Amino acid sequence: MAFDYKKEYKEFYMPPKKPTIVTVPPMNYIAVRGQGDPNAEDGAYKQAIGMLYAIAYTIKMSKKGDRQIDGYFDYVVPPLEGFWWQDGMTGVDYAHKETFSWISLIRLPDFVTKADVDWAVKEATEKKKTDFSKVEFLTYNEGLCVQCMHIGPYDDEPETVRLMHEYMESQGYALDITEERFHHEIYLSDARKVAPEKLKTVVRHPIK
């Protein structure tokens, strides 16, 4: 059985549909940074997702090639995630998606090093004749957060965020979105295949 991070770490990937407080440990990711509307056809965001999955699967399938990664075990590629922000705002304005900045991410197993990611970028670039140089190895220590499972369209997230902030304040915490701590989403559903009202998204905000 392949190791599935969603099932093994349910506190991070399967929170309840009501807000909870969680402390997230440091994790390693492959990441691509960009700006602009995530819904733009052939836009930077959709290109970033394609790059991330290409590298994620190059690493996962390395066991069948020449590069034997030390400590490798079979695993399910973790879900796509995203950090989102807009300059001059602490929240998210869904009416102006063109002003988004984002970091699109996929978690890496702990045995994957920066050297392994550098190898995968080179390998995928050579095999697919595509430039993957925007993909970077990123370590992120998220720390103390409030989170909630959001069911429904992304544009309805403000209501979930409102409940999260009410809960956070009732527990004595304050929002701590900064230039290093972000509005965070984890996408448990494939938006190409799942109806908008059934989309499952973990929404997470840093607190102090």
N, C-alpha and C. Protein backbone atom coordinates (compact mmCIF):
# COMPACT_ATOMS: atom_id res chain seq x y z
N MET A 1 0.84 -1.21 0.00
CA MET A 1 0.00 0.00 0.00
C MET A 1 0.87 1.26 0.00
N ALA A 2 0.61 2.14 -0.92
CA ALA A 2 1.36 3.39 -0.97
C ALA A 2 0.96 4.29 0.20
N PHE A 3 1.93 4.99 0.77
CA PHE A 3 1.69 5.89 1.89
C PHE A 3 0.88 7.09 1.39
N ASP A 4 -0.24 7.38 2.05
CA ASP A 4 -1.12 8.48 1.63
C ASP A 4 -1.15 9.54 2.73
N TYR A 5 -0.54 10.70 2.44
CA TYR A 5 -0.44 11.75 3.45
C TYR A 5 -1.81 12.23 3.92
N LYS A 6 -2.79 12.26 3.02
CA LYS A 6 -4.13 12.72 3.40
C LYS A 6 -4.72 11.81 4.48
N LYS A 7 -4.47 10.51 4.38
CA LYS A 7 -5.04 9.56 5.34
C LYS A 7 -4.20 9.47 6.62
N GLU A 8 -2.88 9.59 6.47
CA GLU A 8 -1.99 9.44 7.62
C GLU A 8 -1.94 10.70 8.49
N TYR A 9 -2.20 11.86 7.88
CA TYR A 9 -2.15 13.13 8.61
C TYR A 9 -3.48 13.86 8.45
N LYS A 10 -4.52 13.23 8.95
CA LYS A 10 -5.87 13.78 8.76
C LYS A 10 -6.03 15.15 9.41
N GLU A 11 -5.24 15.44 10.47
CA GLU A 11 -5.38 16.73 11.13
C GLU A 11 -4.99 17.89 10.20
N PHE A 12 -4.18 17.60 9.18
CA PHE A 12 -3.75 18.64 8.25
C PHE A 12 -4.54 18.64 6.94
N TYR A 13 -5.10 17.49 6.57
CA TYR A 13 -5.75 17.38 5.26
C TYR A 13 -7.25 17.10 5.33
N MET A 14 -7.74 16.67 6.47
CA MET A 14 -9.17 16.34 6.59
C MET A 14 -9.77 16.98 7.84
N PRO A 15 -9.66 18.30 8.00
CA PRO A 15 -10.24 18.94 9.18
C PRO A 15 -11.76 18.91 9.11
N PRO A 16 -12.44 19.11 10.23
CA PRO A 16 -13.91 19.15 10.21
C PRO A 16 -14.44 20.39 9.51
N LYS A 17 -15.76 20.39 9.28
CA LYS A 17 -16.40 21.53 8.61
C LYS A 17 -16.72 22.65 9.60
N LYS A 18 -16.00 22.65 10.71
CA LYS A 18 -16.08 23.77 11.66
C LYS A 18 -14.64 24.13 12.02
N PRO A 19 -14.37 25.39 12.33
CA PRO A 19 -12.99 25.82 12.55
C PRO A 19 -12.31 25.11 13.72
N THR A 20 -11.02 24.85 13.55
CA THR A 20 -10.19 24.27 14.61
C THR A 20 -8.83 24.96 14.59
N ILE A 21 -8.13 24.86 15.73
CA ILE A 21 -6.77 25.39 15.85
C ILE A 21 -5.79 24.24 15.64
N VAL A 22 -4.73 24.48 14.87
CA VAL A 22 -3.75 23.43 14.57
C VAL A 22 -2.36 24.05 14.54
N THR A 23 -1.36 23.26 14.92
CA THR A 23 0.04 23.68 14.75
C THR A 23 0.66 22.81 13.67
N VAL A 24 1.08 23.45 12.60
CA VAL A 24 1.59 22.74 11.42
C VAL A 24 3.12 22.73 11.48
N PRO A 25 3.74 21.55 11.43
CA PRO A 25 5.21 21.49 11.51
C PRO A 25 5.85 21.90 10.18
N PRO A 26 7.17 22.13 10.17
CA PRO A 26 7.84 22.43 8.91
C PRO A 26 7.65 21.30 7.90
N MET A 27 7.43 21.67 6.65
CA MET A 27 7.28 20.69 5.57
C MET A 27 8.06 21.18 4.36
N ASN A 28 8.47 20.23 3.52
CA ASN A 28 9.14 20.56 2.26
C ASN A 28 8.17 20.43 1.10
N TYR A 29 8.35 21.31 0.13
CA TYR A 29 7.45 21.36 -1.03
C TYR A 29 8.26 21.58 -2.32
N ILE A 30 7.63 21.24 -3.44
CA ILE A 30 8.03 21.85 -4.70
C ILE A 30 7.05 23.00 -4.92
N ALA A 31 7.56 24.11 -5.45
CA ALA A 31 6.75 25.32 -5.53
C ALA A 31 7.04 26.10 -6.82
N VAL A 32 6.02 26.81 -7.29
CA VAL A 32 6.17 27.75 -8.40
C VAL A 32 5.47 29.04 -7.99
N ARG A 33 6.16 30.17 -8.16
CA ARG A 33 5.61 31.48 -7.81
C ARG A 33 5.07 32.19 -9.05
N GLY A 34 4.00 33.01 -8.84
CA GLY A 34 3.49 33.75 -9.98
C GLY A 34 2.46 34.78 -9.57
N GLN A 35 1.90 35.44 -10.58
CA GLN A 35 0.84 36.44 -10.38
C GLN A 35 -0.25 36.23 -11.42
N GLY A 36 -1.45 36.74 -11.07
CA GLY A 36 -2.53 36.78 -12.06
C GLY A 36 -3.70 35.88 -11.72
N ASP A 37 -4.72 35.97 -12.56
CA ASP A 37 -5.98 35.25 -12.39
C ASP A 37 -5.75 33.75 -12.57
N PRO A 38 -6.08 32.93 -11.55
CA PRO A 38 -5.86 31.49 -11.68
C PRO A 38 -6.77 30.84 -12.73
N ASN A 39 -7.85 31.53 -13.10
CA ASN A 39 -8.78 30.95 -14.07
C ASN A 39 -8.43 31.28 -15.52
N ALA A 40 -7.40 32.09 -15.74
CA ALA A 40 -7.04 32.49 -17.10
C ALA A 40 -6.64 31.26 -17.92
N GLU A 41 -7.25 31.14 -19.09
CA GLU A 41 -6.95 30.01 -19.97
C GLU A 41 -5.49 30.09 -20.39
N ASP A 42 -4.75 28.98 -20.22
CA ASP A 42 -3.31 28.95 -20.54
C ASP A 42 -2.53 30.02 -19.79
N GLY A 43 -3.05 30.46 -18.63
CA GLY A 43 -2.37 31.48 -17.83
C GLY A 43 -1.24 30.89 -17.01
N ALA A 44 -0.53 31.77 -16.29
CA ALA A 44 0.64 31.36 -15.52
C ALA A 44 0.30 30.32 -14.46
N TYR A 45 -0.90 30.45 -13.84
CA TYR A 45 -1.26 29.53 -12.76
C TYR A 45 -1.45 28.11 -13.30
N LYS A 46 -2.16 27.99 -14.40
CA LYS A 46 -2.40 26.64 -14.96
C LYS A 46 -1.09 26.03 -15.47
N GLN A 47 -0.21 26.87 -15.98
CA GLN A 47 1.11 26.37 -16.39
C GLN A 47 1.90 25.89 -15.18
N ALA A 48 1.80 26.64 -14.07
CA ALA A 48 2.51 26.27 -12.84
C ALA A 48 2.06 24.90 -12.34
N ILE A 49 0.75 24.66 -12.37
CA ILE A 49 0.23 23.36 -11.92
C ILE A 49 0.80 22.23 -12.78
N GLY A 50 0.84 22.44 -14.09
CA GLY A 50 1.40 21.43 -14.99
C GLY A 50 2.86 21.14 -14.66
N MET A 51 3.62 22.19 -14.37
CA MET A 51 5.03 22.02 -14.00
C MET A 51 5.16 21.21 -12.71
N LEU A 52 4.36 21.57 -11.71
CA LEU A 52 4.46 20.89 -10.41
C LEU A 52 4.16 19.40 -10.52
N TYR A 53 3.10 19.06 -11.25
CA TYR A 53 2.77 17.64 -11.36
C TYR A 53 3.82 16.88 -12.15
N ALA A 54 4.39 17.51 -13.16
CA ALA A 54 5.45 16.85 -13.93
C ALA A 54 6.64 16.51 -13.04
N ILE A 55 7.03 17.45 -12.18
CA ILE A 55 8.16 17.21 -11.28
C ILE A 55 7.78 16.23 -10.17
N ALA A 56 6.56 16.38 -9.64
CA ALA A 56 6.11 15.46 -8.58
C ALA A 56 6.15 14.01 -9.06
N TYR A 57 5.70 13.76 -10.30
CA TYR A 57 5.68 12.39 -10.81
C TYR A 57 7.05 11.91 -11.27
N THR A 58 7.91 12.83 -11.68
CA THR A 58 9.29 12.46 -11.99
C THR A 58 9.97 11.92 -10.72
N ILE A 59 9.72 12.60 -9.59
CA ILE A 59 10.29 12.14 -8.31
C ILE A 59 9.66 10.82 -7.88
N LYS A 60 8.35 10.74 -7.96
CA LYS A 60 7.65 9.51 -7.54
C LYS A 60 8.12 8.30 -8.35
N MET A 61 8.31 8.49 -9.67
CA MET A 61 8.67 7.36 -10.53
C MET A 61 10.17 7.14 -10.63
N SER A 62 10.95 7.90 -9.85
CA SER A 62 12.41 7.75 -9.90
C SER A 62 12.84 6.32 -9.56
N LYS A 63 12.01 5.62 -8.78
CA LYS A 63 12.34 4.25 -8.36
C LYS A 63 12.52 3.32 -9.56
N LYS A 64 11.95 3.71 -10.73
CA LYS A 64 12.03 2.85 -11.91
C LYS A 64 13.22 3.21 -12.80
N GLY A 65 13.95 4.26 -12.40
CA GLY A 65 15.08 4.70 -13.22
C GLY A 65 16.41 4.53 -12.53
N ASP A 66 17.38 5.32 -12.97
CA ASP A 66 18.74 5.20 -12.46
C ASP A 66 18.91 5.86 -11.10
N ARG A 67 18.10 6.86 -10.80
CA ARG A 67 18.30 7.59 -9.54
C ARG A 67 17.53 6.91 -8.41
N GLN A 68 18.26 6.30 -7.52
CA GLN A 68 17.64 5.65 -6.37
C GLN A 68 17.76 6.60 -5.17
N ILE A 69 16.63 7.19 -4.77
CA ILE A 69 16.63 8.18 -3.69
C ILE A 69 16.73 7.46 -2.35
N ASP A 70 17.67 7.89 -1.54
CA ASP A 70 17.90 7.27 -0.23
C ASP A 70 16.65 7.41 0.64
N GLY A 71 16.19 6.30 1.20
CA GLY A 71 15.03 6.33 2.08
C GLY A 71 13.70 6.29 1.36
N TYR A 72 13.73 6.10 0.04
CA TYR A 72 12.49 6.12 -0.75
C TYR A 72 11.48 5.08 -0.27
N PHE A 73 10.19 5.49 -0.20
CA PHE A 73 9.09 4.53 -0.03
C PHE A 73 7.96 4.97 -0.96
N ASP A 74 7.13 4.03 -1.35
CA ASP A 74 6.06 4.35 -2.30
C ASP A 74 5.00 5.21 -1.62
N TYR A 75 4.50 6.20 -2.33
CA TYR A 75 3.56 7.14 -1.73
C TYR A 75 2.60 7.68 -2.79
N VAL A 76 1.48 8.19 -2.33
CA VAL A 76 0.52 8.89 -3.18
C VAL A 76 0.96 10.36 -3.24
N VAL A 77 1.04 10.92 -4.44
CA VAL A 77 1.42 12.34 -4.55
C VAL A 77 0.40 13.17 -3.77
N PRO A 78 0.86 13.99 -2.81
CA PRO A 78 -0.07 14.78 -2.00
C PRO A 78 -0.84 15.81 -2.84
N PRO A 79 -1.91 16.37 -2.28
CA PRO A 79 -2.75 17.29 -3.06
C PRO A 79 -2.06 18.62 -3.37
N LEU A 80 -2.56 19.26 -4.40
CA LEU A 80 -2.12 20.60 -4.76
C LEU A 80 -2.51 21.57 -3.65
N GLU A 81 -1.61 22.54 -3.37
CA GLU A 81 -1.89 23.58 -2.38
C GLU A 81 -1.56 24.95 -2.97
N GLY A 82 -2.00 25.99 -2.29
CA GLY A 82 -1.68 27.33 -2.75
C GLY A 82 -1.62 28.34 -1.63
N PHE A 83 -0.61 29.22 -1.67
CA PHE A 83 -0.57 30.42 -0.83
C PHE A 83 -1.02 31.59 -1.70
N TRP A 84 -1.90 32.43 -1.15
CA TRP A 84 -2.49 33.52 -1.93
C TRP A 84 -2.41 34.84 -1.18
N TRP A 85 -2.12 35.91 -1.92
CA TRP A 85 -2.18 37.24 -1.31
C TRP A 85 -2.35 38.30 -2.40
N GLN A 86 -2.78 39.48 -1.96
CA GLN A 86 -2.91 40.65 -2.83
C GLN A 86 -2.24 41.81 -2.12
N ASP A 87 -1.40 42.52 -2.81
CA ASP A 87 -0.65 43.62 -2.19
C ASP A 87 -1.59 44.64 -1.59
N GLY A 88 -1.26 45.05 -0.36
CA GLY A 88 -2.07 46.08 0.31
C GLY A 88 -3.30 45.55 1.01
N MET A 89 -3.46 44.22 1.05
CA MET A 89 -4.64 43.62 1.69
C MET A 89 -4.22 42.51 2.64
N THR A 90 -4.98 42.32 3.72
CA THR A 90 -4.73 41.16 4.58
C THR A 90 -5.66 40.01 4.23
N GLY A 91 -6.73 40.28 3.53
CA GLY A 91 -7.66 39.23 3.13
C GLY A 91 -7.50 38.90 1.66
N VAL A 92 -8.57 38.40 1.06
CA VAL A 92 -8.57 38.03 -0.35
C VAL A 92 -9.79 38.65 -1.01
N ASP A 93 -9.58 39.38 -2.10
CA ASP A 93 -10.68 40.00 -2.84
C ASP A 93 -10.95 39.19 -4.10
N TYR A 94 -11.99 38.33 -4.04
CA TYR A 94 -12.26 37.43 -5.15
C TYR A 94 -12.79 38.14 -6.39
N ALA A 95 -13.20 39.40 -6.22
CA ALA A 95 -13.71 40.17 -7.37
C ALA A 95 -12.57 40.65 -8.27
N HIS A 96 -11.34 40.61 -7.75
CA HIS A 96 -10.19 41.11 -8.54
C HIS A 96 -9.09 40.05 -8.56
N LYS A 97 -9.41 38.92 -9.18
CA LYS A 97 -8.46 37.81 -9.23
C LYS A 97 -7.20 38.15 -10.02
N GLU A 98 -7.31 39.15 -10.89
CA GLU A 98 -6.13 39.52 -11.69
C GLU A 98 -5.01 40.11 -10.83
N THR A 99 -5.32 40.51 -9.60
CA THR A 99 -4.30 41.10 -8.72
C THR A 99 -3.66 40.08 -7.77
N PHE A 100 -4.03 38.81 -7.93
CA PHE A 100 -3.46 37.78 -7.05
C PHE A 100 -1.97 37.60 -7.28
N SER A 101 -1.24 37.41 -6.16
CA SER A 101 0.07 36.77 -6.19
C SER A 101 -0.10 35.42 -5.53
N TRP A 102 0.67 34.44 -5.96
CA TRP A 102 0.48 33.10 -5.41
C TRP A 102 1.77 32.29 -5.45
N ILE A 103 1.80 31.31 -4.58
CA ILE A 103 2.81 30.25 -4.64
C ILE A 103 2.03 28.94 -4.70
N SER A 104 2.17 28.25 -5.81
CA SER A 104 1.49 26.96 -5.98
C SER A 104 2.45 25.86 -5.52
N LEU A 105 1.93 24.88 -4.75
CA LEU A 105 2.82 23.92 -4.09
C LEU A 105 2.28 22.50 -4.10
N ILE A 106 3.20 21.55 -4.01
CA ILE A 106 2.86 20.15 -3.70
C ILE A 106 3.86 19.68 -2.65
N ARG A 107 3.34 19.09 -1.59
CA ARG A 107 4.22 18.60 -0.51
C ARG A 107 5.12 17.48 -1.01
N LEU A 108 6.33 17.45 -0.45
CA LEU A 108 7.29 16.39 -0.74
C LEU A 108 7.41 15.45 0.46
N PRO A 109 7.62 14.16 0.22
CA PRO A 109 8.00 13.28 1.34
C PRO A 109 9.31 13.78 1.95
N ASP A 110 9.52 13.48 3.22
CA ASP A 110 10.70 13.99 3.92
C ASP A 110 12.00 13.47 3.34
N PHE A 111 11.98 12.32 2.66
CA PHE A 111 13.24 11.78 2.13
C PHE A 111 13.73 12.53 0.89
N VAL A 112 12.89 13.37 0.31
CA VAL A 112 13.28 14.10 -0.91
C VAL A 112 14.08 15.35 -0.53
N THR A 113 15.27 15.48 -1.08
CA THR A 113 16.15 16.62 -0.79
C THR A 113 16.11 17.63 -1.94
N LYS A 114 16.72 18.79 -1.71
CA LYS A 114 16.83 19.79 -2.77
C LYS A 114 17.58 19.22 -3.97
N ALA A 115 18.60 18.42 -3.71
CA ALA A 115 19.36 17.80 -4.80
C ALA A 115 18.47 16.89 -5.65
N ASP A 116 17.53 16.18 -4.99
CA ASP A 116 16.60 15.32 -5.73
C ASP A 116 15.67 16.16 -6.61
N VAL A 117 15.23 17.30 -6.09
CA VAL A 117 14.35 18.19 -6.88
C VAL A 117 15.13 18.77 -8.06
N ASP A 118 16.38 19.19 -7.81
CA ASP A 118 17.21 19.71 -8.91
C ASP A 118 17.39 18.65 -10.00
N TRP A 119 17.60 17.40 -9.58
CA TRP A 119 17.72 16.30 -10.54
C TRP A 119 16.42 16.14 -11.34
N ALA A 120 15.27 16.17 -10.64
CA ALA A 120 13.98 15.96 -11.30
C ALA A 120 13.69 17.08 -12.31
N VAL A 121 14.05 18.31 -11.95
CA VAL A 121 13.86 19.44 -12.88
C VAL A 121 14.69 19.23 -14.15
N LYS A 122 15.94 18.81 -13.97
CA LYS A 122 16.83 18.54 -15.13
C LYS A 122 16.30 17.37 -15.96
N GLU A 123 15.89 16.33 -15.26
CA GLU A 123 15.38 15.13 -15.93
C GLU A 123 14.12 15.44 -16.75
N ALA A 124 13.16 16.13 -16.14
CA ALA A 124 11.91 16.45 -16.84
C ALA A 124 12.16 17.41 -18.00
N THR A 125 13.08 18.37 -17.81
CA THR A 125 13.40 19.32 -18.88
C THR A 125 13.94 18.59 -20.10
N GLU A 126 14.82 17.62 -19.86
CA GLU A 126 15.42 16.87 -20.97
C GLU A 126 14.40 15.95 -21.64
N LYS A 127 13.57 15.30 -20.84
CA LYS A 127 12.63 14.32 -21.41
C LYS A 127 11.45 14.97 -22.11
N LYS A 128 10.94 16.07 -21.52
CA LYS A 128 9.72 16.68 -22.06
C LYS A 128 10.02 17.89 -22.95
N LYS A 129 11.30 18.25 -23.06
CA LYS A 129 11.71 19.41 -23.88
C LYS A 129 10.92 20.67 -23.47
N THR A 130 10.76 20.82 -22.16
CA THR A 130 10.04 21.97 -21.58
C THR A 130 10.89 22.54 -20.46
N ASP A 131 10.82 23.85 -20.26
CA ASP A 131 11.60 24.51 -19.21
C ASP A 131 10.88 24.41 -17.87
N PHE A 132 11.47 23.68 -16.92
CA PHE A 132 10.89 23.53 -15.58
C PHE A 132 11.68 24.31 -14.53
N SER A 133 12.48 25.27 -14.97
CA SER A 133 13.39 25.96 -14.05
C SER A 133 12.67 26.79 -12.99
N LYS A 134 11.38 27.08 -13.20
CA LYS A 134 10.63 27.85 -12.19
C LYS A 134 10.28 27.02 -10.96
N VAL A 135 10.42 25.71 -11.06
CA VAL A 135 10.08 24.84 -9.91
C VAL A 135 11.21 24.89 -8.91
N GLU A 136 10.88 25.21 -7.65
CA GLU A 136 11.89 25.34 -6.61
C GLU A 136 11.58 24.43 -5.43
N PHE A 137 12.61 24.12 -4.66
CA PHE A 137 12.47 23.38 -3.40
C PHE A 137 12.21 24.42 -2.31
N LEU A 138 11.12 24.25 -1.56
CA LEU A 138 10.73 25.24 -0.55
C LEU A 138 10.45 24.54 0.78
N THR A 139 11.10 25.00 1.85
CA THR A 139 10.77 24.56 3.20
C THR A 139 9.92 25.64 3.86
N TYR A 140 8.79 25.25 4.43
CA TYR A 140 7.88 26.23 5.01
C TYR A 140 7.45 25.76 6.39
N ASN A 141 7.62 26.63 7.37
CA ASN A 141 7.21 26.33 8.75
C ASN A 141 5.97 27.16 9.05
N GLU A 142 4.80 26.53 8.91
CA GLU A 142 3.54 27.29 8.98
C GLU A 142 3.14 27.64 10.41
N GLY A 143 3.39 26.74 11.35
CA GLY A 143 3.14 27.06 12.75
C GLY A 143 1.67 27.08 13.13
N LEU A 144 1.32 28.00 14.04
CA LEU A 144 -0.03 28.06 14.62
C LEU A 144 -1.03 28.64 13.62
N CYS A 145 -2.14 27.93 13.41
CA CYS A 145 -3.13 28.34 12.41
C CYS A 145 -4.55 28.00 12.87
N VAL A 146 -5.52 28.67 12.25
CA VAL A 146 -6.91 28.25 12.31
C VAL A 146 -7.25 27.69 10.94
N GLN A 147 -8.01 26.59 10.91
CA GLN A 147 -8.34 25.99 9.62
C GLN A 147 -9.76 25.43 9.65
N CYS A 148 -10.26 25.14 8.44
CA CYS A 148 -11.63 24.63 8.31
C CYS A 148 -11.76 23.96 6.95
N MET A 149 -12.58 22.91 6.87
CA MET A 149 -12.93 22.32 5.58
C MET A 149 -14.02 23.17 4.94
N HIS A 150 -13.76 23.67 3.74
CA HIS A 150 -14.74 24.44 2.99
C HIS A 150 -15.33 23.54 1.92
N ILE A 151 -16.65 23.43 1.90
CA ILE A 151 -17.35 22.66 0.87
C ILE A 151 -18.08 23.65 -0.04
N GLY A 152 -17.76 23.63 -1.34
CA GLY A 152 -18.45 24.52 -2.27
C GLY A 152 -17.48 25.30 -3.13
N PRO A 153 -18.02 26.26 -3.91
CA PRO A 153 -17.18 27.04 -4.82
C PRO A 153 -16.12 27.85 -4.07
N TYR A 154 -15.01 28.10 -4.75
CA TYR A 154 -13.94 28.91 -4.15
C TYR A 154 -14.44 30.32 -3.81
N ASP A 155 -15.32 30.84 -4.65
CA ASP A 155 -15.81 32.21 -4.43
C ASP A 155 -16.68 32.34 -3.18
N ASP A 156 -17.10 31.20 -2.61
CA ASP A 156 -17.89 31.24 -1.37
C ASP A 156 -17.02 31.13 -0.12
N GLU A 157 -15.71 31.09 -0.30
CA GLU A 157 -14.82 30.95 0.85
C GLU A 157 -14.94 32.06 1.90
N PRO A 158 -15.28 33.32 1.52
CA PRO A 158 -15.35 34.38 2.53
C PRO A 158 -16.23 34.02 3.73
N GLU A 159 -17.31 33.28 3.52
CA GLU A 159 -18.17 32.90 4.64
C GLU A 159 -17.44 31.94 5.58
N THR A 160 -16.70 30.97 5.01
CA THR A 160 -15.90 30.05 5.83
C THR A 160 -14.82 30.82 6.58
N VAL A 161 -14.18 31.77 5.90
CA VAL A 161 -13.13 32.58 6.54
C VAL A 161 -13.72 33.40 7.70
N ARG A 162 -14.92 33.93 7.50
CA ARG A 162 -15.58 34.70 8.57
C ARG A 162 -15.78 33.83 9.81
N LEU A 163 -16.24 32.60 9.62
CA LEU A 163 -16.43 31.69 10.75
C LEU A 163 -15.11 31.35 11.42
N MET A 164 -14.06 31.18 10.61
CA MET A 164 -12.73 30.90 11.15
C MET A 164 -12.24 32.04 12.03
N HIS A 165 -12.45 33.27 11.55
CA HIS A 165 -11.97 34.43 12.30
C HIS A 165 -12.78 34.63 13.59
N GLU A 166 -14.08 34.38 13.53
CA GLU A 166 -14.90 34.47 14.74
C GLU A 166 -14.42 33.45 15.78
N TYR A 167 -14.17 32.23 15.33
CA TYR A 167 -13.71 31.18 16.24
C TYR A 167 -12.34 31.53 16.83
N MET A 168 -11.42 31.96 15.96
CA MET A 168 -10.07 32.34 16.38
C MET A 168 -10.11 33.40 17.49
N GLU A 169 -10.94 34.42 17.26
CA GLU A 169 -11.04 35.51 18.25
C GLU A 169 -11.68 35.02 19.55
N SER A 170 -12.65 34.11 19.43
CA SER A 170 -13.30 33.58 20.64
C SER A 170 -12.34 32.76 21.48
N GLN A 171 -11.27 32.25 20.85
CA GLN A 171 -10.27 31.45 21.56
C GLN A 171 -9.07 32.29 22.00
N GLY A 172 -9.14 33.61 21.76
CA GLY A 172 -8.08 34.50 22.22
C GLY A 172 -6.93 34.69 21.26
N TYR A 173 -7.13 34.35 19.98
CA TYR A 173 -6.07 34.49 18.99
C TYR A 173 -6.35 35.69 18.07
N ALA A 174 -5.29 36.14 17.38
CA ALA A 174 -5.42 37.21 16.39
C ALA A 174 -4.86 36.72 15.06
N LEU A 175 -5.41 37.23 13.97
CA LEU A 175 -4.93 36.89 12.63
C LEU A 175 -3.48 37.36 12.47
N ASP A 176 -2.67 36.56 11.79
CA ASP A 176 -1.24 36.90 11.64
C ASP A 176 -0.78 36.72 10.20
N ILE A 177 -1.58 37.20 9.25
CA ILE A 177 -1.16 37.20 7.85
C ILE A 177 -0.10 38.29 7.66
N THR A 178 1.07 37.89 7.14
CA THR A 178 2.20 38.81 6.95
C THR A 178 2.82 38.56 5.58
N GLU A 179 3.98 39.14 5.34
CA GLU A 179 4.68 38.89 4.08
C GLU A 179 5.29 37.50 4.04
N GLU A 180 5.28 36.81 5.18
CA GLU A 180 5.81 35.44 5.23
C GLU A 180 4.77 34.40 5.60
N ARG A 181 3.57 34.85 6.01
CA ARG A 181 2.51 33.92 6.41
C ARG A 181 1.26 34.26 5.60
N PHE A 182 0.65 33.23 4.98
CA PHE A 182 -0.31 33.48 3.91
C PHE A 182 -1.68 32.83 4.14
N HIS A 183 -2.67 33.36 3.39
CA HIS A 183 -3.92 32.63 3.16
C HIS A 183 -3.54 31.34 2.42
N HIS A 184 -3.95 30.20 2.96
CA HIS A 184 -3.48 28.90 2.47
C HIS A 184 -4.67 28.04 2.11
N GLU A 185 -4.63 27.44 0.93
CA GLU A 185 -5.69 26.52 0.49
C GLU A 185 -5.07 25.19 0.09
N ILE A 186 -5.74 24.10 0.44
CA ILE A 186 -5.34 22.75 0.03
C ILE A 186 -6.51 22.15 -0.75
N TYR A 187 -6.26 21.75 -1.99
CA TYR A 187 -7.33 21.34 -2.90
C TYR A 187 -7.49 19.82 -2.89
N LEU A 188 -8.55 19.36 -2.25
CA LEU A 188 -8.80 17.92 -2.13
C LEU A 188 -9.63 17.40 -3.29
N SER A 189 -10.18 18.29 -4.11
CA SER A 189 -11.00 17.91 -5.25
C SER A 189 -10.36 18.40 -6.54
N ASP A 190 -10.60 17.69 -7.62
CA ASP A 190 -10.18 18.13 -8.95
C ASP A 190 -11.29 18.98 -9.55
N ALA A 191 -11.05 20.29 -9.64
CA ALA A 191 -12.10 21.21 -10.09
C ALA A 191 -12.56 20.93 -11.52
N ARG A 192 -11.76 20.18 -12.28
CA ARG A 192 -12.16 19.83 -13.65
C ARG A 192 -13.20 18.72 -13.67
N LYS A 193 -13.29 17.98 -12.54
CA LYS A 193 -14.15 16.78 -12.53
C LYS A 193 -15.27 16.84 -11.50
N VAL A 194 -15.18 17.78 -10.54
CA VAL A 194 -16.14 17.83 -9.43
C VAL A 194 -17.01 19.08 -9.56
N ALA A 195 -18.31 18.92 -9.33
CA ALA A 195 -19.23 20.06 -9.39
C ALA A 195 -18.82 21.11 -8.36
N PRO A 196 -18.94 22.41 -8.68
CA PRO A 196 -18.50 23.46 -7.76
C PRO A 196 -19.06 23.33 -6.35
N GLU A 197 -20.33 22.92 -6.23
CA GLU A 197 -20.94 22.85 -4.89
C GLU A 197 -20.40 21.70 -4.05
N LYS A 198 -19.62 20.79 -4.69
CA LYS A 198 -19.07 19.64 -3.97
C LYS A 198 -17.56 19.73 -3.75
N LEU A 199 -16.94 20.82 -4.20
CA LEU A 199 -15.50 20.97 -4.04
C LEU A 199 -15.11 20.97 -2.56
N LYS A 200 -14.05 20.26 -2.23
CA LYS A 200 -13.52 20.23 -0.86
C LYS A 200 -12.17 20.95 -0.83
N THR A 201 -12.09 21.98 0.00
CA THR A 201 -10.87 22.78 0.10
C THR A 201 -10.56 23.05 1.57
N VAL A 202 -9.35 22.72 2.01
CA VAL A 202 -8.93 23.12 3.34
C VAL A 202 -8.50 24.58 3.26
N VAL A 203 -9.10 25.43 4.11
CA VAL A 203 -8.71 26.84 4.18
C VAL A 203 -8.00 27.05 5.52
N ARG A 204 -6.80 27.66 5.46
CA ARG A 204 -5.98 27.79 6.66
C ARG A 204 -5.43 29.21 6.76
N HIS A 205 -5.51 29.82 7.94
CA HIS A 205 -4.96 31.16 8.17
C HIS A 205 -4.00 31.14 9.35
N PRO A 206 -2.86 31.83 9.25
CA PRO A 206 -1.93 31.92 10.37
C PRO A 206 -2.48 32.79 11.48
N ILE A 207 -2.22 32.41 12.71
CA ILE A 207 -2.70 33.17 13.86
C ILE A 207 -1.58 33.32 14.89
N LYS A 208 -1.83 34.18 15.90
CA LYS A 208 -0.87 34.34 16.99
C LYS A 208 -1.63 34.54 18.28
